[in-house]
N, C-alpha and C. Protein backbone atom coordinates (compact mmCIF):
# COMPACT_ATOMS: atom_id res chain seq x y z
N MET A 1 -9.78 -13.53 18.20
CA MET A 1 -10.06 -12.41 17.15
C MET A 1 -9.81 -12.94 15.74
N ASN A 2 -10.93 -12.54 14.93
CA ASN A 2 -11.07 -13.30 13.63
C ASN A 2 -10.28 -12.64 12.84
N TRP A 3 -10.11 -13.01 11.29
CA TRP A 3 -9.05 -12.43 10.68
C TRP A 3 -9.65 -10.93 9.94
N GLN A 4 -11.18 -10.91 10.08
CA GLN A 4 -11.51 -9.50 9.43
C GLN A 4 -11.21 -8.61 10.53
N GLU A 5 -11.28 -9.00 12.09
CA GLU A 5 -11.01 -7.78 12.94
C GLU A 5 -9.43 -7.49 12.65
N PHE A 6 -8.54 -8.57 12.75
CA PHE A 6 -7.36 -8.46 12.69
C PHE A 6 -6.92 -7.57 11.51
N THR A 7 -7.37 -7.92 10.46
CA THR A 7 -7.05 -6.91 9.12
C THR A 7 -7.73 -5.74 9.33
N ALA A 8 -8.79 -5.20 9.93
CA ALA A 8 -9.32 -4.07 10.30
C ALA A 8 -8.01 -3.23 11.27
N LEU A 9 -7.65 -4.11 12.43
CA LEU A 9 -6.87 -3.25 12.99
C LEU A 9 -5.50 -3.10 12.27
N LEU A 10 -4.83 -3.66 11.29
CA LEU A 10 -3.84 -3.56 10.65
C LEU A 10 -4.37 -2.23 9.81
N VAL A 11 -5.39 -2.25 9.19
CA VAL A 11 -5.58 -0.83 8.40
C VAL A 11 -5.28 0.20 9.34
N LEU A 12 -6.52 0.09 10.22
CA LEU A 12 -6.22 1.29 11.35
C LEU A 12 -4.82 1.61 11.77
N ALA A 13 -4.13 0.49 12.20
CA ALA A 13 -2.48 0.95 12.60
C ALA A 13 -2.00 1.46 11.47
N THR A 14 -1.90 1.03 10.23
CA THR A 14 -1.23 1.92 9.37
C THR A 14 -1.52 3.06 9.21
N ALA A 15 -3.13 3.37 9.01
CA ALA A 15 -3.42 4.77 8.86
C ALA A 15 -2.85 5.77 9.81
N MET A 16 -3.00 5.28 10.99
CA MET A 16 -2.74 6.20 12.22
C MET A 16 -1.42 6.39 12.46
N SER A 17 -0.69 5.19 12.41
CA SER A 17 0.73 5.50 12.60
C SER A 17 1.70 5.92 11.60
N PHE A 18 1.30 6.03 10.31
CA PHE A 18 2.16 6.64 9.37
C PHE A 18 1.53 7.86 8.88
N SER A 19 0.41 8.37 9.47
CA SER A 19 0.29 9.77 9.11
C SER A 19 0.61 10.71 9.95
N PRO A 20 1.27 11.90 9.46
CA PRO A 20 1.96 12.81 10.40
C PRO A 20 1.46 13.15 11.66
N GLY A 21 2.32 13.26 12.59
CA GLY A 21 1.67 13.76 13.81
C GLY A 21 3.04 14.13 14.85
N PRO A 22 2.56 14.49 16.12
CA PRO A 22 3.72 14.95 16.70
C PRO A 22 4.85 14.12 16.98
N ASN A 23 4.82 12.69 17.02
CA ASN A 23 5.78 11.70 17.12
C ASN A 23 6.62 11.74 15.79
N THR A 24 5.85 11.33 14.81
CA THR A 24 6.64 11.40 13.36
C THR A 24 7.59 12.61 13.27
N THR A 25 6.88 13.66 13.47
CA THR A 25 7.56 14.97 13.10
C THR A 25 8.79 15.47 14.00
N LEU A 26 8.82 14.87 15.17
CA LEU A 26 9.82 15.08 15.92
C LEU A 26 11.04 13.81 15.61
N SER A 27 10.47 12.80 15.43
CA SER A 27 11.45 11.65 14.61
C SER A 27 12.20 12.30 13.38
N THR A 28 11.52 12.94 12.50
CA THR A 28 12.17 13.46 11.57
C THR A 28 13.05 14.68 11.59
N ALA A 29 12.74 15.47 12.59
CA ALA A 29 13.30 16.82 13.18
C ALA A 29 14.53 16.24 13.57
N LEU A 30 14.66 15.35 14.65
CA LEU A 30 15.65 15.08 15.42
C LEU A 30 16.61 14.53 14.60
N ALA A 31 16.35 13.25 13.85
CA ALA A 31 17.29 12.77 12.99
C ALA A 31 18.14 13.74 12.07
N ALA A 32 17.23 14.68 11.44
CA ALA A 32 17.85 15.41 10.38
C ALA A 32 18.86 16.69 11.34
N ASN A 33 18.35 16.92 12.47
CA ASN A 33 19.26 17.69 13.30
C ASN A 33 20.56 17.28 13.90
N GLY A 34 20.24 16.14 14.54
CA GLY A 34 21.10 15.23 15.26
C GLY A 34 21.74 14.10 14.65
N GLY A 35 21.16 13.53 13.62
CA GLY A 35 21.66 12.17 13.18
C GLY A 35 20.64 11.20 13.78
N LEU A 36 20.95 9.78 13.05
CA LEU A 36 19.70 8.86 13.47
C LEU A 36 20.08 8.02 14.72
N PRO A 37 21.45 7.89 15.17
CA PRO A 37 21.71 7.51 16.22
C PRO A 37 21.03 8.36 17.54
N ARG A 38 21.35 9.65 17.46
CA ARG A 38 20.63 10.24 18.46
C ARG A 38 19.33 10.54 18.53
N ALA A 39 18.63 10.06 17.40
CA ALA A 39 16.87 10.36 17.43
C ALA A 39 16.41 9.26 17.82
N MET A 40 17.08 7.99 18.03
CA MET A 40 16.74 6.42 18.40
C MET A 40 16.11 6.60 19.82
N ARG A 41 16.73 7.41 20.56
CA ARG A 41 16.05 7.33 22.00
C ARG A 41 14.68 7.68 21.96
N PHE A 42 14.17 8.74 21.16
CA PHE A 42 12.72 9.26 20.85
C PHE A 42 12.09 7.88 20.15
N VAL A 43 12.71 7.40 19.13
CA VAL A 43 11.96 6.62 18.37
C VAL A 43 11.79 5.41 19.07
N VAL A 44 12.61 4.97 20.04
CA VAL A 44 12.27 3.75 20.87
C VAL A 44 11.20 4.22 21.98
N ALA A 45 11.45 5.44 22.41
CA ALA A 45 10.57 5.89 23.68
C ALA A 45 8.99 5.84 23.10
N VAL A 46 8.65 6.19 21.70
CA VAL A 46 7.55 6.62 21.34
C VAL A 46 6.52 5.13 21.60
N PRO A 47 7.01 3.78 21.10
CA PRO A 47 6.35 2.77 21.37
C PRO A 47 6.14 2.37 22.79
N VAL A 48 7.26 2.64 23.50
CA VAL A 48 7.27 2.48 25.04
C VAL A 48 6.15 2.86 25.68
N GLY A 49 6.09 4.34 25.46
CA GLY A 49 5.26 5.10 26.12
C GLY A 49 3.56 4.78 25.57
N TRP A 50 3.80 4.64 24.38
CA TRP A 50 2.38 4.47 23.63
C TRP A 50 1.83 2.87 24.22
N THR A 51 2.43 2.12 24.31
CA THR A 51 2.01 0.72 24.99
C THR A 51 1.83 0.77 26.55
N LEU A 52 2.35 1.60 27.05
CA LEU A 52 1.83 2.07 28.60
C LEU A 52 0.50 2.96 28.61
N LEU A 53 0.32 3.62 27.47
CA LEU A 53 -0.86 4.28 27.57
C LEU A 53 -2.05 3.20 27.11
N LEU A 54 -1.49 2.40 26.04
CA LEU A 54 -2.96 1.62 25.81
C LEU A 54 -3.16 0.36 26.94
N ALA A 55 -2.09 0.14 27.45
CA ALA A 55 -2.49 -0.64 28.64
C ALA A 55 -3.23 0.31 29.86
N LEU A 56 -3.00 1.28 30.12
CA LEU A 56 -4.20 2.09 31.11
C LEU A 56 -5.30 2.22 30.50
N CYS A 57 -5.22 2.73 29.31
CA CYS A 57 -6.50 2.85 28.83
C CYS A 57 -7.51 1.46 28.83
N ALA A 58 -6.92 0.39 28.66
CA ALA A 58 -7.38 -0.90 28.85
C ALA A 58 -7.94 -1.51 30.10
N ALA A 59 -7.01 -0.75 31.00
CA ALA A 59 -7.40 -0.95 32.46
C ALA A 59 -8.47 -0.18 33.08
N GLY A 60 -8.81 0.65 32.27
CA GLY A 60 -10.02 1.58 32.80
C GLY A 60 -9.57 2.95 32.75
N ILE A 61 -8.50 3.54 32.54
CA ILE A 61 -8.03 5.03 32.94
C ILE A 61 -8.70 5.57 31.62
N GLY A 62 -8.80 5.11 30.57
CA GLY A 62 -9.38 5.71 29.26
C GLY A 62 -10.79 6.18 29.74
N ALA A 63 -11.43 5.19 30.10
CA ALA A 63 -12.87 5.49 30.67
C ALA A 63 -13.07 6.79 31.72
N LEU A 64 -12.08 6.77 32.57
CA LEU A 64 -12.11 7.82 33.49
C LEU A 64 -11.71 9.22 32.79
N VAL A 65 -10.86 9.35 31.84
CA VAL A 65 -10.53 10.36 31.15
C VAL A 65 -11.64 10.86 30.42
N VAL A 66 -12.46 10.18 29.63
CA VAL A 66 -13.57 10.53 28.91
C VAL A 66 -14.70 10.91 29.61
N ALA A 67 -15.08 10.46 30.83
CA ALA A 67 -15.96 10.57 32.18
C ALA A 67 -15.61 12.15 32.62
N MET A 68 -14.21 12.49 32.66
CA MET A 68 -14.02 13.46 33.43
C MET A 68 -13.53 14.60 32.43
N PRO A 69 -14.20 15.66 31.90
CA PRO A 69 -14.09 16.71 30.96
C PRO A 69 -12.78 17.41 31.36
N SER A 70 -12.83 17.73 32.74
CA SER A 70 -11.72 18.70 33.10
C SER A 70 -10.38 17.92 33.13
N LEU A 71 -10.19 16.55 33.36
CA LEU A 71 -9.00 15.93 33.21
C LEU A 71 -8.71 15.73 31.61
N ARG A 72 -9.70 15.55 30.84
CA ARG A 72 -9.33 15.46 29.42
C ARG A 72 -8.75 16.93 28.76
N LEU A 73 -9.28 17.96 29.50
CA LEU A 73 -9.02 19.37 29.17
C LEU A 73 -7.62 19.42 29.54
N ALA A 74 -7.27 19.02 30.78
CA ALA A 74 -5.77 19.34 31.23
C ALA A 74 -5.01 18.28 30.37
N ILE A 75 -5.16 17.20 30.00
CA ILE A 75 -4.19 16.69 29.15
C ILE A 75 -3.98 17.45 27.80
N LYS A 76 -5.33 17.83 27.36
CA LYS A 76 -5.03 18.71 26.21
C LYS A 76 -4.33 19.88 26.10
N GLY A 77 -4.47 20.61 27.24
CA GLY A 77 -3.66 21.67 27.46
C GLY A 77 -2.31 21.60 27.78
N LEU A 78 -1.83 20.42 28.50
CA LEU A 78 -0.49 20.20 28.43
C LEU A 78 0.11 19.87 27.14
N GLY A 79 -0.64 19.03 26.37
CA GLY A 79 -0.10 18.66 24.96
C GLY A 79 -0.06 19.78 23.99
N ILE A 80 -0.68 20.64 24.34
CA ILE A 80 -0.81 21.85 23.04
C ILE A 80 0.55 22.70 23.66
N GLY A 81 0.52 22.87 24.94
CA GLY A 81 1.60 23.83 25.46
C GLY A 81 3.09 23.07 25.06
N TYR A 82 3.12 21.90 25.27
CA TYR A 82 4.36 20.86 25.07
C TYR A 82 4.74 21.17 23.43
N LEU A 83 3.67 20.91 22.71
CA LEU A 83 3.77 21.06 21.18
C LEU A 83 4.18 22.66 20.86
N LEU A 84 3.81 23.43 21.29
CA LEU A 84 4.10 24.75 20.98
C LEU A 84 5.70 25.26 21.56
N TRP A 85 5.85 24.66 22.58
CA TRP A 85 7.20 24.72 23.05
C TRP A 85 8.17 24.14 22.21
N LEU A 86 8.18 23.00 21.84
CA LEU A 86 8.81 22.25 20.85
C LEU A 86 9.01 22.84 19.38
N ALA A 87 7.68 23.38 19.27
CA ALA A 87 7.88 24.26 17.89
C ALA A 87 8.82 25.46 18.09
N TYR A 88 8.71 26.08 19.03
CA TYR A 88 9.47 27.35 19.27
C TYR A 88 10.76 27.05 19.11
N LYS A 89 11.31 25.81 20.07
CA LYS A 89 12.68 25.44 20.26
C LYS A 89 13.05 25.29 18.63
N LEU A 90 12.41 24.32 18.02
CA LEU A 90 12.82 23.67 16.58
C LEU A 90 12.83 24.88 15.36
N SER A 91 12.18 25.77 15.52
CA SER A 91 12.08 26.97 14.68
C SER A 91 13.41 28.04 14.83
N GLY A 92 14.04 27.76 15.94
CA GLY A 92 15.09 28.61 16.07
C GLY A 92 16.43 27.98 15.67
N SER A 93 16.38 26.79 15.39
CA SER A 93 17.67 25.87 14.96
C SER A 93 18.00 25.95 13.64
N ALA A 94 19.11 26.71 13.51
CA ALA A 94 19.79 27.24 12.19
C ALA A 94 20.68 26.23 11.62
N THR A 95 21.85 25.62 12.31
CA THR A 95 22.81 25.17 12.05
C THR A 95 22.97 23.87 12.75
N LEU A 96 23.42 22.85 11.91
CA LEU A 96 23.69 21.46 12.87
C LEU A 96 24.38 21.46 14.05
N GLY A 97 25.29 22.34 14.26
CA GLY A 97 25.89 22.40 15.62
C GLY A 97 25.21 22.83 16.60
N LYS A 98 24.07 23.73 16.37
CA LYS A 98 23.35 24.42 17.18
C LYS A 98 22.25 23.54 17.42
N ALA A 99 21.98 22.82 16.44
CA ALA A 99 20.70 22.01 16.66
C ALA A 99 21.03 20.54 17.50
N ASP A 100 22.38 20.38 17.75
CA ASP A 100 22.84 19.13 18.38
C ASP A 100 22.91 19.70 19.91
N GLY A 101 22.55 20.90 20.30
CA GLY A 101 22.71 21.33 21.52
C GLY A 101 21.30 20.84 22.46
N ALA A 102 21.41 21.04 23.67
CA ALA A 102 20.37 20.56 24.46
C ALA A 102 19.08 21.28 24.08
N SER A 103 19.02 22.44 23.46
CA SER A 103 17.67 23.08 23.13
C SER A 103 16.65 22.25 22.34
N LEU A 104 17.36 21.53 21.58
CA LEU A 104 16.47 20.55 20.54
C LEU A 104 16.66 19.08 20.93
N SER A 105 16.97 18.84 22.21
CA SER A 105 17.21 17.29 22.82
C SER A 105 15.75 17.03 23.37
N VAL A 106 15.24 15.78 22.85
CA VAL A 106 13.93 14.97 23.43
C VAL A 106 14.57 13.91 23.62
N GLY A 107 14.81 13.62 25.05
CA GLY A 107 14.86 12.13 25.34
C GLY A 107 14.21 11.18 25.39
N PHE A 108 14.66 10.07 26.12
CA PHE A 108 13.68 8.83 26.26
C PHE A 108 12.65 9.29 27.10
N GLY A 109 13.01 9.55 28.38
CA GLY A 109 11.76 9.89 29.32
C GLY A 109 10.69 11.06 28.78
N GLN A 110 11.12 11.99 27.94
CA GLN A 110 10.13 13.11 27.44
C GLN A 110 9.45 12.24 26.22
N GLY A 111 10.13 11.47 25.78
CA GLY A 111 9.36 10.72 24.51
C GLY A 111 8.30 9.98 25.04
N VAL A 112 8.61 9.12 26.20
CA VAL A 112 7.41 8.38 26.73
C VAL A 112 6.47 9.40 27.21
N MET A 113 6.66 10.25 27.75
CA MET A 113 5.74 10.92 28.60
C MET A 113 5.07 11.87 27.44
N LEU A 114 5.37 12.26 26.35
CA LEU A 114 4.79 12.89 25.30
C LEU A 114 3.47 12.20 24.82
N GLN A 115 3.49 10.89 24.96
CA GLN A 115 2.54 10.02 24.47
C GLN A 115 1.09 10.28 25.57
N PHE A 116 1.39 10.62 26.62
CA PHE A 116 0.36 10.98 27.61
C PHE A 116 -0.31 12.20 27.51
N VAL A 117 0.16 12.97 26.71
CA VAL A 117 -0.19 14.37 26.31
C VAL A 117 -0.47 14.63 24.88
N ASN A 118 -0.30 13.34 24.25
CA ASN A 118 -0.78 13.36 22.66
C ASN A 118 -2.07 13.13 22.55
N ILE A 119 -2.95 13.87 21.87
CA ILE A 119 -4.21 13.65 21.77
C ILE A 119 -4.61 12.63 20.90
N LYS A 120 -3.62 12.45 19.53
CA LYS A 120 -3.62 11.42 18.53
C LYS A 120 -3.65 10.05 19.30
N ALA A 121 -2.53 10.15 20.37
CA ALA A 121 -2.37 8.76 20.74
C ALA A 121 -3.55 8.32 21.86
N TRP A 122 -4.07 9.23 22.48
CA TRP A 122 -5.16 8.91 23.37
C TRP A 122 -6.58 8.38 22.42
N LEU A 123 -6.62 9.12 21.56
CA LEU A 123 -7.76 8.83 20.46
C LEU A 123 -7.51 7.38 19.85
N LEU A 124 -6.40 7.26 19.49
CA LEU A 124 -6.11 5.75 19.03
C LEU A 124 -6.09 4.80 20.00
N ALA A 125 -5.67 4.92 21.12
CA ALA A 125 -5.69 3.95 22.41
C ALA A 125 -7.21 3.76 22.52
N LEU A 126 -7.87 4.85 23.02
CA LEU A 126 -9.42 4.69 23.27
C LEU A 126 -10.13 3.94 22.05
N THR A 127 -9.66 4.21 20.90
CA THR A 127 -10.72 3.44 19.67
C THR A 127 -10.29 2.11 19.65
N LEU A 128 -9.13 1.65 19.91
CA LEU A 128 -8.39 0.27 19.75
C LEU A 128 -9.27 -0.34 21.37
N VAL A 129 -9.01 0.06 22.37
CA VAL A 129 -9.76 -0.59 23.60
C VAL A 129 -11.25 -0.91 23.15
N ALA A 130 -11.94 0.30 22.66
CA ALA A 130 -13.48 0.23 22.52
C ALA A 130 -13.75 -0.74 21.23
N GLY A 131 -12.82 -0.75 20.48
CA GLY A 131 -13.50 -1.58 19.17
C GLY A 131 -12.85 -3.01 19.22
N TRP A 132 -11.66 -3.46 19.92
CA TRP A 132 -11.17 -4.77 19.76
C TRP A 132 -10.69 -5.26 21.24
N ILE A 133 -10.98 -4.60 22.48
CA ILE A 133 -10.72 -5.19 23.52
C ILE A 133 -11.92 -5.33 24.80
N ALA A 134 -12.29 -4.15 24.92
CA ALA A 134 -13.15 -3.79 26.02
C ALA A 134 -14.37 -4.67 26.02
N GLY A 135 -14.86 -5.28 26.95
CA GLY A 135 -16.33 -6.06 27.00
C GLY A 135 -16.11 -7.54 26.13
N GLN A 136 -14.99 -7.87 25.69
CA GLN A 136 -14.71 -9.09 25.12
C GLN A 136 -14.48 -10.08 26.02
N PRO A 137 -14.82 -11.08 26.01
CA PRO A 137 -14.53 -12.23 27.03
C PRO A 137 -13.28 -12.75 26.90
N ASP A 138 -12.41 -12.73 25.91
CA ASP A 138 -10.84 -12.85 25.75
C ASP A 138 -10.31 -11.59 25.70
N ALA A 139 -10.64 -10.37 26.65
CA ALA A 139 -10.07 -9.16 26.47
C ALA A 139 -8.39 -9.37 26.77
N LEU A 140 -7.78 -10.23 27.52
CA LEU A 140 -6.58 -10.27 27.83
C LEU A 140 -6.00 -10.63 26.58
N GLY A 141 -6.32 -11.99 26.08
CA GLY A 141 -5.74 -12.39 24.97
C GLY A 141 -5.64 -11.34 23.72
N ARG A 142 -7.00 -10.36 23.50
CA ARG A 142 -6.79 -9.60 22.60
C ARG A 142 -5.99 -8.53 22.76
N PHE A 143 -5.83 -7.87 24.27
CA PHE A 143 -4.73 -6.99 24.33
C PHE A 143 -3.32 -7.39 24.17
N ALA A 144 -3.20 -9.00 24.16
CA ALA A 144 -1.82 -9.65 23.91
C ALA A 144 -1.48 -9.68 22.36
N ILE A 145 -2.70 -9.43 21.56
CA ILE A 145 -2.39 -9.14 19.98
C ILE A 145 -2.46 -7.92 19.87
N VAL A 146 -3.23 -7.05 20.38
CA VAL A 146 -3.30 -5.58 20.02
C VAL A 146 -1.97 -4.75 20.13
N ALA A 147 -1.31 -5.44 21.51
CA ALA A 147 -0.49 -4.08 22.06
C ALA A 147 0.92 -4.63 21.10
N PRO A 148 1.40 -5.72 20.82
CA PRO A 148 2.62 -5.87 20.16
C PRO A 148 2.34 -5.28 18.67
N VAL A 149 1.23 -5.60 18.13
CA VAL A 149 1.21 -5.15 16.67
C VAL A 149 1.23 -3.55 16.67
N MET A 150 0.75 -2.90 17.49
CA MET A 150 0.87 -1.36 17.75
C MET A 150 2.03 -0.84 18.19
N LEU A 151 2.98 -1.67 18.78
CA LEU A 151 4.24 -1.21 19.26
C LEU A 151 5.17 -1.35 18.23
N ALA A 152 4.93 -2.44 17.25
CA ALA A 152 5.70 -2.57 16.11
C ALA A 152 5.52 -1.47 14.98
N TYR A 153 4.19 -1.27 14.96
CA TYR A 153 3.81 -0.09 14.35
C TYR A 153 4.20 1.37 14.30
N ALA A 154 4.51 1.50 15.99
CA ALA A 154 4.62 2.68 16.42
C ALA A 154 6.33 2.85 16.13
N PHE A 155 7.01 1.82 16.28
CA PHE A 155 8.53 1.74 16.08
C PHE A 155 8.91 2.07 14.49
N THR A 156 8.08 1.28 13.67
CA THR A 156 8.63 1.27 12.27
C THR A 156 8.16 2.59 11.73
N SER A 157 6.89 3.03 12.13
CA SER A 157 6.75 4.41 11.66
C SER A 157 7.68 5.56 11.91
N ASN A 158 8.02 5.68 13.20
CA ASN A 158 9.04 6.54 13.70
C ASN A 158 10.11 6.48 13.38
N PHE A 159 10.63 5.15 13.10
CA PHE A 159 11.75 4.75 12.54
C PHE A 159 12.16 5.33 11.02
N ALA A 160 10.91 5.04 10.31
CA ALA A 160 11.09 5.24 8.85
C ALA A 160 11.07 6.93 8.60
N TYR A 161 10.08 7.61 9.64
CA TYR A 161 10.55 9.29 9.53
C TYR A 161 11.65 9.68 10.08
N ALA A 162 12.16 9.04 11.00
CA ALA A 162 13.57 9.23 11.50
C ALA A 162 14.83 9.34 10.50
N LEU A 163 14.52 8.03 9.56
CA LEU A 163 15.38 7.67 8.57
C LEU A 163 15.49 8.64 7.25
N VAL A 164 14.28 9.28 7.11
CA VAL A 164 14.12 10.28 5.94
C VAL A 164 14.99 11.48 6.67
N GLY A 165 14.59 11.67 7.99
CA GLY A 165 15.55 12.80 8.24
C GLY A 165 16.85 13.11 8.38
N ALA A 166 17.27 11.48 8.56
CA ALA A 166 18.95 11.39 8.59
C ALA A 166 19.38 11.36 7.01
N LEU A 167 18.40 10.80 6.12
CA LEU A 167 18.95 10.86 4.73
C LEU A 167 19.09 12.19 4.13
N LEU A 168 18.22 13.37 4.88
CA LEU A 168 18.15 14.44 4.58
C LEU A 168 19.14 15.62 5.12
N ARG A 169 19.78 14.87 6.19
CA ARG A 169 21.03 15.88 7.07
C ARG A 169 21.94 16.46 6.18
N GLU A 170 22.67 15.84 5.34
CA GLU A 170 23.91 16.34 4.57
C GLU A 170 23.24 17.55 3.61
N TRP A 171 22.24 17.27 2.88
CA TRP A 171 21.53 18.40 2.16
C TRP A 171 20.93 19.56 2.85
N LEU A 172 20.64 19.07 4.25
CA LEU A 172 20.09 20.19 4.93
C LEU A 172 21.21 21.31 5.46
N ALA A 173 22.52 20.48 5.59
CA ALA A 173 23.52 21.61 6.16
C ALA A 173 23.82 22.76 5.39
N LYS A 174 23.51 22.75 3.95
CA LYS A 174 23.94 23.75 3.34
C LYS A 174 23.16 24.81 3.23
N GLY A 175 23.58 26.18 3.37
CA GLY A 175 23.07 27.16 3.42
C GLY A 175 22.00 27.49 4.49
N SER A 176 20.67 28.02 4.22
CA SER A 176 19.80 28.06 5.13
C SER A 176 18.64 27.00 5.26
N ARG A 177 18.78 25.99 4.59
CA ARG A 177 17.97 24.95 4.45
C ARG A 177 17.62 24.28 5.99
N LEU A 178 18.25 24.10 6.46
CA LEU A 178 18.08 23.43 7.84
C LEU A 178 17.24 24.52 8.59
N LEU A 179 17.21 25.80 8.68
CA LEU A 179 16.46 26.60 9.33
C LEU A 179 14.97 26.68 8.64
N TRP A 180 14.76 26.80 7.12
CA TRP A 180 13.74 26.40 6.68
C TRP A 180 12.94 25.34 7.09
N PHE A 181 13.76 23.92 6.76
CA PHE A 181 13.44 22.63 7.44
C PHE A 181 12.70 22.67 8.76
N ASN A 182 13.60 23.14 9.80
CA ASN A 182 13.13 23.34 11.08
C ASN A 182 11.82 24.24 11.29
N ARG A 183 11.63 25.35 10.60
CA ARG A 183 10.38 26.03 10.69
C ARG A 183 9.32 25.28 10.06
N ALA A 184 9.41 24.35 8.92
CA ALA A 184 8.38 23.76 8.47
C ALA A 184 8.00 22.61 9.31
N MET A 185 8.78 21.99 10.14
CA MET A 185 8.45 20.99 11.02
C MET A 185 8.00 21.71 12.35
N GLY A 186 8.32 22.75 12.84
CA GLY A 186 7.75 23.54 13.77
C GLY A 186 6.39 23.94 13.37
N LEU A 187 6.11 24.29 12.27
CA LEU A 187 4.87 24.62 11.66
C LEU A 187 3.70 23.61 11.88
N VAL A 188 4.24 22.12 11.37
CA VAL A 188 3.54 20.93 11.56
C VAL A 188 3.23 20.83 13.05
N LEU A 189 4.06 21.05 13.81
CA LEU A 189 3.71 20.96 15.30
C LEU A 189 2.71 21.90 15.78
N VAL A 190 2.73 23.19 15.25
CA VAL A 190 1.62 24.04 15.64
C VAL A 190 0.60 23.76 15.12
N LEU A 191 0.34 23.15 13.70
CA LEU A 191 -0.73 23.01 13.15
C LEU A 191 -1.23 21.47 13.86
N THR A 192 -0.51 20.58 14.57
CA THR A 192 -1.17 19.68 15.11
C THR A 192 -1.59 20.20 16.63
N ALA A 193 -1.04 21.22 17.16
CA ALA A 193 -1.80 21.85 18.27
C ALA A 193 -3.05 22.60 18.00
N TRP A 194 -2.83 22.91 16.87
CA TRP A 194 -4.29 23.69 16.46
C TRP A 194 -5.38 22.59 16.29
N TRP A 195 -5.04 21.57 15.69
CA TRP A 195 -6.02 20.18 15.29
C TRP A 195 -6.50 20.19 16.95
N MET A 196 -5.50 19.85 17.91
CA MET A 196 -5.85 19.42 18.99
C MET A 196 -6.53 20.27 20.01
N VAL A 197 -6.57 21.48 19.57
CA VAL A 197 -7.83 22.55 20.05
C VAL A 197 -9.31 21.97 19.69
N SER A 198 -9.14 21.75 18.38
CA SER A 198 -10.56 21.38 17.98
C SER A 198 -11.28 20.17 18.26
N VAL A 199 -10.67 19.22 18.88
CA VAL A 199 -11.11 17.83 19.16
C VAL A 199 -11.39 17.66 20.29
């Protein structure tokens, strides 16, 4: 991989990883409601799940999903349903004590599995495989470069969003601020689900 390709990879990784989406929204909300340590399970799960998704796409599963509209529709449907369910749960959390409960808990396993129903994650994985890995004579070597870069970006972006959520935690504890924050985060998830309908 030459330096131009690597630079393009970094630009794409920055744009896709740091733009708002289901992962960054949940990282922010989980840290704002439960604190940074509680959100770290999800923050770590995102790059793990995403790297597994990238590996499967590179191994050919991505081509299968593209070739089978019904499978793509099923993934999209599950993703939309899960995001709407999370938005519903999030929008009802009005106090830090209530938000700390199981109703707003997204654990490591759920964080990993979310990547497999996250259309943004699929689009990025398929783009990376098509543009940087598939059909190249050094495909395995390219995967060995792309995967750690994307893993680092996935962790860094979600950690940064979670840190913002954690920094807002004390301010959000006053009055009805947390309720409106959670409703705003829920709305972002609903808008993400709406976007998923259109792609």
